[in-house]
Amino acid sequence: MIPPIANRFVAGESPAEALDHVRSLNERDVEAIVNLLGEHYDDREPASQDAAAYRSLVDDIADADLGGCLSVKPSQLGLDLGEEVFREELDPIVEAAQDRDVFVWIDMEDHTTTDVTLDAYEELAREYGGGVGVCVQANLKRTRDDVERIADVPGKVRFVKGAYDEPADVAYTDRERVDRELEELLEYAFEHFEGGIGVGSHDPEIVEHSIDLHEEYGTDFEIQMLMGVRTDTQYELAEEYDVYQYVPYGDRWLSYFYRRMMERKQNVRFALRAILGR
């Protein structure tokens, strides 16, 4: 069982608990991006088990008619074992999701995985005419070229600042520069994409910038935030815009919870209050 201190950020250990959380979000007009926690497997068996769990989750979401989609990590589906393994696990998930009209996001991990992730996204999105999305990271110096490359792909693209500690030869390390890159990438996307823009940020300035671009260009977009972070703001934004909450679940919750604690002082204060009962 996930302790109360962590369940603000993780929906539970079972699919049923995750889907219950999705239902509660849908009641507030927020949809969900559901992720089974797990990554960087050095053995095929857990990758195959997680892939099977995602295929089952597709049916659960569709059968319950929930406003939700999936998010998968390449290393969770065996990328560390080779590109062939990754595609053997990913492709059936996307095929099953297409059959049930459930969207699939392919997350982006560190810079060494960028090419294979973009290749998989482009191939699958073109094959199915959409229904698949990918994440791009503003801190990587290559991302402007990548965004231009995939601008006409019939899927969705999530724009984020980038969470990985990348070397300076491939990434911008200055926070203000990364913010500027994200703003300019969004400007390009809203002007040149036909739709399918995801803005993955809790930064009020980035969110407001995206809303301004939407009003200027009329391009469809959605705002994406994490479970447990700025929840009231998510509900407020959902009154006017498409809002998705990233909903993780599973028994590998501890490392994910630790990352959430370390990235924001507010999260640490929340944890301390929970421990002290205040």
C-alpha atoms as a PDB file:
ATOM      1  CA  MET A   1       0.000   0.000   0.000  1.00  0.00           C
ATOM      2  CA  ILE A   2       1.223   3.480  -0.857  1.00  0.00           C
ATOM      3  CA  PRO A   3       1.462   5.618   2.300  1.00  0.00           C
ATOM      4  CA  PRO A   4      -0.622   8.822   2.521  1.00  0.00           C
ATOM      5  CA  ILE A   5       2.539  10.893   2.225  1.00  0.00           C
ATOM      6  CA  ALA A   6       3.032   9.633  -1.345  1.00  0.00           C
ATOM      7  CA  ASN A   7      -0.498   9.194  -2.645  1.00  0.00           C
ATOM      8  CA  ARG A   8      -0.737  12.855  -3.548  1.00  0.00           C
ATOM      9  CA  PHE A   9       1.651  12.104  -6.412  1.00  0.00           C
ATOM     10  CA  VAL A  10       0.932   8.429  -7.207  1.00  0.00           C
ATOM     11  CA  ALA A  11      -2.572   7.112  -7.880  1.00  0.00           C
ATOM     12  CA  GLY A  12      -2.028   3.689  -6.303  1.00  0.00           C
ATOM     13  CA  GLU A  13      -0.370   0.363  -6.960  1.00  0.00           C
ATOM     14  CA  SER A  14      -3.124  -1.248  -9.039  1.00  0.00           C
ATOM     15  CA  PRO A  15      -4.818  -0.361 -12.335  1.00  0.00           C
ATOM     16  CA  ALA A  16      -8.160  -0.181 -10.507  1.00  0.00           C
ATOM     17  CA  GLU A  17      -6.821   2.529  -8.181  1.00  0.00           C
ATOM     18  CA  ALA A  18      -5.420   4.471 -11.116  1.00  0.00           C
ATOM     19  CA  LEU A  19      -8.721   4.273 -12.996  1.00  0.00           C
ATOM     20  CA  ASP A  20     -10.624   5.439  -9.922  1.00  0.00           C
ATOM     21  CA  HIS A  21      -8.413   8.515  -9.894  1.00  0.00           C
ATOM     22  CA  VAL A  22      -9.065   9.052 -13.604  1.00  0.00           C
ATOM     23  CA  ARG A  23     -12.808   8.987 -12.926  1.00  0.00           C
ATOM     24  CA  SER A  24     -12.426  11.642 -10.255  1.00  0.00           C
ATOM     25  CA  LEU A  25     -10.440  13.813 -12.670  1.00  0.00           C
ATOM     26  CA  ASN A  26     -13.034  13.410 -15.404  1.00  0.00           C
ATOM     27  CA  GLU A  27     -15.666  14.727 -13.011  1.00  0.00           C
ATOM     28  CA  ARG A  28     -13.637  17.964 -12.930  1.00  0.00           C
ATOM     29  CA  ASP A  29     -13.234  18.010 -16.741  1.00  0.00           C
ATOM     30  CA  VAL A  30      -9.581  16.941 -16.524  1.00  0.00           C
ATOM     31  CA  GLU A  31      -8.395  13.966 -18.566  1.00  0.00           C
ATOM     32  CA  ALA A  32      -5.546  11.642 -17.639  1.00  0.00           C
ATOM     33  CA  ILE A  33      -2.249  10.399 -19.035  1.00  0.00           C
ATOM     34  CA  VAL A  34      -1.812   7.074 -17.261  1.00  0.00           C
ATOM     35  CA  ASN A  35       1.661   5.628 -16.739  1.00  0.00           C
ATOM     36  CA  LEU A  36       2.680   2.341 -15.146  1.00  0.00           C
ATOM     37  CA  LEU A  37       5.872   3.170 -13.270  1.00  0.00           C
ATOM     38  CA  GLY A  38       8.984   1.334 -14.454  1.00  0.00           C
ATOM     39  CA  GLU A  39      12.091   1.986 -16.541  1.00  0.00           C
ATOM     40  CA  HIS A  40      15.560   0.765 -17.560  1.00  0.00           C
ATOM     41  CA  TYR A  41      15.036  -2.978 -17.500  1.00  0.00           C
ATOM     42  CA  ASP A  42      18.033  -5.188 -18.250  1.00  0.00           C
ATOM     43  CA  ASP A  43      15.838  -8.270 -18.667  1.00  0.00           C
ATOM     44  CA  ARG A  44      13.091  -8.924 -21.222  1.00  0.00           C
ATOM     45  CA  GLU A  45      10.558 -10.405 -18.815  1.00  0.00           C
ATOM     46  CA  PRO A  46       9.579  -7.236 -16.886  1.00  0.00           C
ATOM     47  CA  ALA A  47       9.435  -5.270 -20.147  1.00  0.00           C
ATOM     48  CA  SER A  48       7.042  -7.823 -21.614  1.00  0.00           C
ATOM     49  CA  GLN A  49       4.995  -7.856 -18.407  1.00  0.00           C
ATOM     50  CA  ASP A  50       4.619  -4.084 -18.464  1.00  0.00           C
ATOM     51  CA  ALA A  51       3.728  -4.149 -22.164  1.00  0.00           C
ATOM     52  CA  ALA A  52       0.996  -6.687 -21.421  1.00  0.00           C
ATOM     53  CA  ALA A  53      -0.243  -4.491 -18.579  1.00  0.00           C
ATOM     54  CA  TYR A  54      -0.521  -1.540 -20.955  1.00  0.00           C
ATOM     55  CA  ARG A  55      -2.517  -3.588 -23.463  1.00  0.00           C
ATOM     56  CA  SER A  56      -4.881  -4.577 -20.674  1.00  0.00           C
ATOM     57  CA  LEU A  57      -5.098  -0.947 -19.556  1.00  0.00           C
ATOM     58  CA  VAL A  58      -6.193   0.024 -23.063  1.00  0.00           C
ATOM     59  CA  ASP A  59      -9.248  -2.199 -22.683  1.00  0.00           C
ATOM     60  CA  ASP A  60      -9.930  -0.943 -19.159  1.00  0.00           C
ATOM     61  CA  ILE A  61      -9.944   2.709 -20.306  1.00  0.00           C
ATOM     62  CA  ALA A  62     -12.057   1.983 -23.372  1.00  0.00           C
ATOM     63  CA  ASP A  63     -14.552  -0.288 -21.613  1.00  0.00           C
ATOM     64  CA  ALA A  64     -15.109   2.296 -18.871  1.00  0.00           C
ATOM     65  CA  ASP A  65     -15.360   5.115 -21.433  1.00  0.00           C
ATOM     66  CA  LEU A  66     -12.873   7.211 -19.467  1.00  0.00           C
ATOM     67  CA  GLY A  67     -11.181  10.389 -20.613  1.00  0.00           C
ATOM     68  CA  GLY A  68      -7.660   9.034 -20.535  1.00  0.00           C
ATOM     69  CA  CYS A  69      -4.703   7.856 -22.557  1.00  0.00           C
ATOM     70  CA  LEU A  70      -1.404   6.022 -21.982  1.00  0.00           C
ATOM     71  CA  SER A  71       2.196   7.129 -21.535  1.00  0.00           C
ATOM     72  CA  VAL A  72       5.040   4.639 -22.036  1.00  0.00           C
ATOM     73  CA  LYS A  73       8.793   4.948 -21.568  1.00  0.00           C
ATOM     74  CA  PRO A  74      11.103   3.374 -24.181  1.00  0.00           C
ATOM     75  CA  SER A  75      13.426   1.946 -21.513  1.00  0.00           C
ATOM     76  CA  GLN A  76      10.396   0.404 -19.821  1.00  0.00           C
ATOM     77  CA  LEU A  77       9.664  -1.476 -23.031  1.00  0.00           C
ATOM     78  CA  GLY A  78      13.163  -2.907 -23.396  1.00  0.00           C
ATOM     79  CA  LEU A  79      15.122  -0.204 -25.223  1.00  0.00           C
ATOM     80  CA  ASP A  80      18.172  -0.933 -23.062  1.00  0.00           C
ATOM     81  CA  LEU A  81      18.061  -4.435 -24.545  1.00  0.00           C
ATOM     82  CA  GLY A  82      17.982  -3.115 -28.098  1.00  0.00           C
ATOM     83  CA  GLU A  83      15.812  -1.205 -30.539  1.00  0.00           C
ATOM     84  CA  GLU A  84      14.287  -4.410 -31.873  1.00  0.00           C
ATOM     85  CA  VAL A  85      13.053  -5.421 -28.418  1.00  0.00           C
ATOM     86  CA  PHE A  86      11.626  -1.952 -27.863  1.00  0.00           C
ATOM     87  CA  ARG A  87       9.636  -2.052 -31.095  1.00  0.00           C
ATOM     88  CA  GLU A  88       8.448  -5.609 -30.495  1.00  0.00           C
ATOM     89  CA  GLU A  89       6.925  -4.445 -27.213  1.00  0.00           C
ATOM     90  CA  LEU A  90       5.747  -0.982 -28.301  1.00  0.00           C
ATOM     91  CA  ASP A  91       4.057  -1.747 -31.612  1.00  0.00           C
ATOM     92  CA  PRO A  92       1.398  -4.163 -30.224  1.00  0.00           C
ATOM     93  CA  ILE A  93       0.476  -1.580 -27.558  1.00  0.00           C
ATOM     94  CA  VAL A  94      -0.115   1.072 -30.207  1.00  0.00           C
ATOM     95  CA  GLU A  95      -2.022  -1.382 -32.403  1.00  0.00           C
ATOM     96  CA  ALA A  96      -4.281  -2.392 -29.506  1.00  0.00           C
ATOM     97  CA  ALA A  97      -4.805   1.252 -28.567  1.00  0.00           C
ATOM     98  CA  GLN A  98      -5.746   2.184 -32.128  1.00  0.00           C
ATOM     99  CA  ASP A  99      -8.362  -0.569 -32.176  1.00  0.00           C
ATOM    100  CA  ARG A 100      -9.961   0.878 -29.020  1.00  0.00           C
ATOM    101  CA  ASP A 101      -9.430   4.583 -29.836  1.00  0.00           C
ATOM    102  CA  VAL A 102      -7.035   5.144 -26.941  1.00  0.00           C
ATOM    103  CA  PHE A 103      -4.154   7.578 -27.439  1.00  0.00           C
ATOM    104  CA  VAL A 104      -0.535   6.575 -26.675  1.00  0.00           C
ATOM    105  CA  TRP A 105       2.241   8.963 -25.675  1.00  0.00           C
ATOM    106  CA  ILE A 106       5.843   7.831 -26.132  1.00  0.00           C
ATOM    107  CA  ASP A 107       7.902   9.584 -23.469  1.00  0.00           C
ATOM    108  CA  MET A 108      11.346  10.969 -24.178  1.00  0.00           C
ATOM    109  CA  GLU A 109      14.249   9.931 -21.958  1.00  0.00           C
ATOM    110  CA  ASP A 110      17.900  11.033 -22.044  1.00  0.00           C
ATOM    111  CA  HIS A 111      19.497  12.340 -25.245  1.00  0.00           C
ATOM    112  CA  THR A 112      20.942   8.960 -26.247  1.00  0.00           C
ATOM    113  CA  THR A 113      17.399   7.687 -26.893  1.00  0.00           C
ATOM    114  CA  THR A 114      16.164  10.615 -28.982  1.00  0.00           C
ATOM    115  CA  ASP A 115      16.701   9.184 -32.456  1.00  0.00           C
ATOM    116  CA  VAL A 116      15.105   5.803 -31.835  1.00  0.00           C
ATOM    117  CA  THR A 117      12.167   7.406 -30.015  1.00  0.00           C
ATOM    118  CA  LEU A 118      11.473   9.901 -32.789  1.00  0.00           C
ATOM    119  CA  ASP A 119      11.825   7.182 -35.425  1.00  0.00           C
ATOM    120  CA  ALA A 120       9.255   5.012 -33.647  1.00  0.00           C
ATOM    121  CA  TYR A 121       6.867   7.937 -33.243  1.00  0.00           C
ATOM    122  CA  GLU A 122       7.085   9.050 -36.853  1.00  0.00           C
ATOM    123  CA  GLU A 123       6.661   5.552 -38.253  1.00  0.00           C
ATOM    124  CA  LEU A 124       3.711   4.641 -36.034  1.00  0.00           C
ATOM    125  CA  ALA A 125       1.960   7.999 -36.328  1.00  0.00           C
ATOM    126  CA  ARG A 126       2.150   7.873 -40.125  1.00  0.00           C
ATOM    127  CA  GLU A 127       1.047   4.237 -40.198  1.00  0.00           C
ATOM    128  CA  TYR A 128      -2.054   4.892 -38.125  1.00  0.00           C
ATOM    129  CA  GLY A 129      -2.737   8.472 -39.190  1.00  0.00           C
ATOM    130  CA  GLY A 130      -2.342   9.786 -35.670  1.00  0.00           C
ATOM    131  CA  GLY A 131      -3.213   8.343 -32.309  1.00  0.00           C
ATOM    132  CA  VAL A 132       0.403   8.575 -31.115  1.00  0.00           C
ATOM    133  CA  GLY A 133       2.385  11.369 -29.477  1.00  0.00           C
ATOM    134  CA  VAL A 134       5.975  12.064 -28.542  1.00  0.00           C
ATOM    135  CA  CYS A 135       7.777  14.389 -26.151  1.00  0.00           C
ATOM    136  CA  VAL A 136      10.532  16.841 -27.126  1.00  0.00           C
ATOM    137  CA  GLN A 137      12.819  18.619 -24.662  1.00  0.00           C
ATOM    138  CA  ALA A 138      13.707  22.278 -25.001  1.00  0.00           C
ATOM    139  CA  ASN A 139      17.047  21.924 -23.245  1.00  0.00           C
ATOM    140  CA  LEU A 140      18.507  19.767 -26.039  1.00  0.00           C
ATOM    141  CA  LYS A 141      20.308  21.764 -28.713  1.00  0.00           C
ATOM    142  CA  ARG A 142      19.025  19.471 -31.445  1.00  0.00           C
ATOM    143  CA  THR A 143      15.347  19.951 -30.674  1.00  0.00           C
ATOM    144  CA  ARG A 144      14.693  22.813 -33.098  1.00  0.00           C
ATOM    145  CA  ASP A 145      15.737  20.582 -35.992  1.00  0.00           C
ATOM    146  CA  ASP A 146      13.728  17.694 -34.582  1.00  0.00           C
ATOM    147  CA  VAL A 147      10.583  19.816 -34.316  1.00  0.00           C
ATOM    148  CA  GLU A 148      10.903  20.966 -37.908  1.00  0.00           C
ATOM    149  CA  ARG A 149      11.352  17.341 -38.974  1.00  0.00           C
ATOM    150  CA  ILE A 150       8.163  16.112 -37.309  1.00  0.00           C
ATOM    151  CA  ALA A 151       6.000  19.173 -37.937  1.00  0.00           C
ATOM    152  CA  ASP A 152       3.902  17.389 -40.565  1.00  0.00           C
ATOM    153  CA  VAL A 153       3.598  14.057 -38.741  1.00  0.00           C
ATOM    154  CA  PRO A 154      -0.101  13.335 -37.970  1.00  0.00           C
ATOM    155  CA  GLY A 155       0.332  12.890 -34.221  1.00  0.00           C
ATOM    156  CA  LYS A 156       0.794  15.055 -31.144  1.00  0.00           C
ATOM    157  CA  VAL A 157       3.971  16.602 -29.748  1.00  0.00           C
ATOM    158  CA  ARG A 158       4.471  17.414 -26.072  1.00  0.00           C
ATOM    159  CA  PHE A 159       6.863  20.286 -25.376  1.00  0.00           C
ATOM    160  CA  VAL A 160       8.737  20.289 -22.055  1.00  0.00           C
ATOM    161  CA  LYS A 161      11.810  21.983 -20.634  1.00  0.00           C
ATOM    162  CA  GLY A 162      13.665  18.703 -20.047  1.00  0.00           C
ATOM    163  CA  ALA A 163      14.242  16.827 -16.814  1.00  0.00           C
ATOM    164  CA  TYR A 164      17.491  14.961 -17.503  1.00  0.00           C
ATOM    165  CA  ASP A 165      20.949  16.128 -16.433  1.00  0.00           C
ATOM    166  CA  GLU A 166      22.474  16.279 -19.907  1.00  0.00           C
ATOM    167  CA  PRO A 167      26.076  17.199 -20.825  1.00  0.00           C
ATOM    168  CA  ALA A 168      26.738  20.764 -21.947  1.00  0.00           C
ATOM    169  CA  ASP A 169      27.824  19.707 -25.431  1.00  0.00           C
ATOM    170  CA  VAL A 170      24.291  18.520 -26.253  1.00  0.00           C
ATOM    171  CA  ALA A 171      22.122  20.630 -23.958  1.00  0.00           C
ATOM    172  CA  TYR A 172      21.596  24.151 -22.693  1.00  0.00           C
ATOM    173  CA  THR A 173      22.293  24.295 -18.980  1.00  0.00           C
ATOM    174  CA  ASP A 174      21.218  27.871 -18.261  1.00  0.00           C
ATOM    175  CA  ARG A 175      17.641  27.951 -16.974  1.00  0.00           C
ATOM    176  CA  GLU A 176      16.751  31.218 -18.680  1.00  0.00           C
ATOM    177  CA  ARG A 177      18.060  29.913 -21.996  1.00  0.00           C
ATOM    178  CA  VAL A 178      15.953  26.770 -21.657  1.00  0.00           C
ATOM    179  CA  ASP A 179      12.878  28.873 -20.897  1.00  0.00           C
ATOM    180  CA  ARG A 180      13.534  30.968 -23.993  1.00  0.00           C
ATOM    181  CA  GLU A 181      14.040  27.880 -26.132  1.00  0.00           C
ATOM    182  CA  LEU A 182      10.724  26.442 -24.966  1.00  0.00           C
ATOM    183  CA  GLU A 183       8.896  29.678 -25.710  1.00  0.00           C
ATOM    184  CA  GLU A 184      10.385  29.844 -29.213  1.00  0.00           C
ATOM    185  CA  LEU A 185       9.664  26.177 -29.915  1.00  0.00           C
ATOM    186  CA  LEU A 186       6.060  26.736 -28.925  1.00  0.00           C
ATOM    187  CA  GLU A 187       5.863  29.789 -31.167  1.00  0.00           C
ATOM    188  CA  TYR A 188       7.064  27.693 -34.096  1.00  0.00           C
ATOM    189  CA  ALA A 189       4.656  24.864 -33.285  1.00  0.00           C
ATOM    190  CA  PHE A 190       1.567  27.036 -32.901  1.00  0.00           C
ATOM    191  CA  GLU A 191       2.366  28.764 -36.190  1.00  0.00           C
ATOM    192  CA  HIS A 192       3.311  25.689 -38.258  1.00  0.00           C
ATOM    193  CA  PHE A 193       1.586  22.663 -36.699  1.00  0.00           C
ATOM    194  CA  GLU A 194      -1.974  21.853 -37.723  1.00  0.00           C
ATOM    195  CA  GLY A 195      -2.774  20.761 -34.185  1.00  0.00           C
ATOM    196  CA  GLY A 196      -1.839  18.315 -31.511  1.00  0.00           C
ATOM    197  CA  ILE A 197       0.368  20.453 -29.275  1.00  0.00           C
ATOM    198  CA  GLY A 198       0.880  19.409 -25.670  1.00  0.00           C
ATOM    199  CA  VAL A 199       2.336  21.955 -23.264  1.00  0.00           C
ATOM    200  CA  GLY A 200       3.936  20.009 -20.434  1.00  0.00           C
ATOM    201  CA  SER A 201       4.723  22.668 -17.868  1.00  0.00           C
ATOM    202  CA  HIS A 202       3.713  23.995 -14.457  1.00  0.00           C
ATOM    203  CA  ASP A 203       5.403  27.325 -15.170  1.00  0.00           C
ATOM    204  CA  PRO A 204       2.659  29.989 -15.148  1.00  0.00           C
ATOM    205  CA  GLU A 205       4.532  32.085 -17.719  1.00  0.00           C
ATOM    206  CA  ILE A 206       4.851  29.167 -20.143  1.00  0.00           C
ATOM    207  CA  VAL A 207       1.179  28.278 -19.726  1.00  0.00           C
ATOM    208  CA  GLU A 208       0.116  31.879 -20.286  1.00  0.00           C
ATOM    209  CA  HIS A 209       2.418  32.146 -23.311  1.00  0.00           C
ATOM    210  CA  SER A 210       0.763  29.061 -24.784  1.00  0.00           C
ATOM    211  CA  ILE A 211      -2.713  30.470 -24.223  1.00  0.00           C
ATOM    212  CA  ASP A 212      -1.669  33.682 -25.985  1.00  0.00           C
ATOM    213  CA  LEU A 213      -0.324  31.686 -28.934  1.00  0.00           C
ATOM    214  CA  HIS A 214      -3.533  29.659 -29.091  1.00  0.00           C
ATOM    215  CA  GLU A 215      -5.559  32.850 -29.242  1.00  0.00           C
ATOM    216  CA  GLU A 216      -3.265  34.240 -31.947  1.00  0.00           C
ATOM    217  CA  TYR A 217      -3.085  31.191 -34.217  1.00  0.00           C
ATOM    218  CA  GLY A 218      -6.126  29.141 -33.226  1.00  0.00           C
ATOM    219  CA  THR A 219      -4.042  25.953 -33.046  1.00  0.00           C
ATOM    220  CA  ASP A 220      -5.444  23.161 -30.881  1.00  0.00           C
ATOM    221  CA  PHE A 221      -3.427  22.466 -27.738  1.00  0.00           C
ATOM    222  CA  GLU A 222      -3.641  20.869 -24.338  1.00  0.00           C
ATOM    223  CA  ILE A 223      -2.036  21.709 -21.008  1.00  0.00           C
ATOM    224  CA  GLN A 224      -0.362  18.805 -19.211  1.00  0.00           C
ATOM    225  CA  MET A 225       0.641  18.763 -15.556  1.00  0.00           C
ATOM    226  CA  LEU A 226       1.687  16.199 -12.976  1.00  0.00           C
ATOM    227  CA  MET A 227      -0.564  14.631 -10.399  1.00  0.00           C
ATOM    228  CA  GLY A 228      -0.154  16.454  -7.107  1.00  0.00           C
ATOM    229  CA  VAL A 229       1.265  19.686  -8.541  1.00  0.00           C
ATOM    230  CA  ARG A 230      -0.894  22.811  -8.940  1.00  0.00           C
ATOM    231  CA  THR A 231      -4.052  20.719  -8.804  1.00  0.00           C
ATOM    232  CA  ASP A 232      -6.393  23.659  -8.199  1.00  0.00           C
ATOM    233  CA  THR A 233      -4.866  25.433 -11.184  1.00  0.00           C
ATOM    234  CA  GLN A 234      -5.507  22.352 -13.311  1.00  0.00           C
ATOM    235  CA  TYR A 235      -9.190  22.427 -12.385  1.00  0.00           C
ATOM    236  CA  GLU A 236      -9.421  26.159 -13.085  1.00  0.00           C
ATOM    237  CA  LEU A 237      -7.747  25.857 -16.482  1.00  0.00           C
ATOM    238  CA  ALA A 238      -9.988  22.914 -17.390  1.00  0.00           C
ATOM    239  CA  GLU A 239     -12.994  25.213 -17.275  1.00  0.00           C
ATOM    240  CA  GLU A 240     -11.758  26.751 -20.523  1.00  0.00           C
ATOM    241  CA  TYR A 241      -8.957  24.606 -21.991  1.00  0.00           C
ATOM    242  CA  ASP A 242      -8.093  20.941 -22.497  1.00  0.00           C
ATOM    243  CA  VAL A 243      -6.124  19.818 -19.438  1.00  0.00           C
ATOM    244  CA  TYR A 244      -4.458  16.452 -18.869  1.00  0.00           C
ATOM    245  CA  GLN A 245      -2.954  15.186 -15.636  1.00  0.00           C
ATOM    246  CA  TYR A 246      -0.073  12.710 -15.650  1.00  0.00           C
ATOM    247  CA  VAL A 247      -1.258   9.831 -13.465  1.00  0.00           C
ATOM    248  CA  PRO A 248       1.431   7.320 -12.414  1.00  0.00           C
ATOM    249  CA  TYR A 249       0.675   4.084 -10.632  1.00  0.00           C
ATOM    250  CA  GLY A 250       2.360   0.796  -9.726  1.00  0.00           C
ATOM    251  CA  ASP A 251       4.525  -0.800  -7.076  1.00  0.00           C
ATOM    252  CA  ARG A 252       7.673   0.992  -8.266  1.00  0.00           C
ATOM    253  CA  TRP A 253       6.447   4.264  -6.791  1.00  0.00           C
ATOM    254  CA  LEU A 254       9.225   5.048  -4.305  1.00  0.00           C
ATOM    255  CA  SER A 255      11.841   6.435  -6.707  1.00  0.00           C
ATOM    256  CA  TYR A 256       9.211   8.479  -8.535  1.00  0.00           C
ATOM    257  CA  PHE A 257       7.977   9.950  -5.254  1.00  0.00           C
ATOM    258  CA  TYR A 258      11.552  10.779  -4.256  1.00  0.00           C
ATOM    259  CA  ARG A 259      12.068  12.726  -7.504  1.00  0.00           C
ATOM    260  CA  ARG A 260       8.907  14.727  -6.888  1.00  0.00           C
ATOM    261  CA  MET A 261      10.150  15.603  -3.389  1.00  0.00           C
ATOM    262  CA  MET A 262      13.547  16.751  -4.603  1.00  0.00           C
ATOM    263  CA  GLU A 263      12.397  18.951  -7.459  1.00  0.00           C
ATOM    264  CA  ARG A 264      10.274  21.470  -5.564  1.00  0.00           C
ATOM    265  CA  LYS A 265      10.516  22.985  -2.083  1.00  0.00           C
ATOM    266  CA  GLN A 266       6.718  23.050  -1.871  1.00  0.00           C
ATOM    267  CA  ASN A 267       6.623  19.282  -2.211  1.00  0.00           C
ATOM    268  CA  VAL A 268       9.104  18.830   0.636  1.00  0.00           C
ATOM    269  CA  ARG A 269       6.998  21.085   2.865  1.00  0.00           C
ATOM    270  CA  PHE A 270       3.921  19.037   1.995  1.00  0.00           C
ATOM    271  CA  ALA A 271       5.734  15.837   2.977  1.00  0.00           C
ATOM    272  CA  LEU A 272       6.937  17.291   6.258  1.00  0.00           C
ATOM    273  CA  ARG A 273       3.430  18.459   7.158  1.00  0.00           C
ATOM    274  CA  ALA A 274       2.102  14.972   6.443  1.00  0.00           C
ATOM    275  CA  ILE A 275       4.763  13.369   8.654  1.00  0.00           C
ATOM    276  CA  LEU A 276       4.122  15.808  11.505  1.00  0.00           C
ATOM    277  CA  GLY A 277       0.362  15.556  11.145  1.00  0.00           C
ATOM    278  CA  ARG A 278      -0.115  19.266  10.517  1.00  0.00           C
END
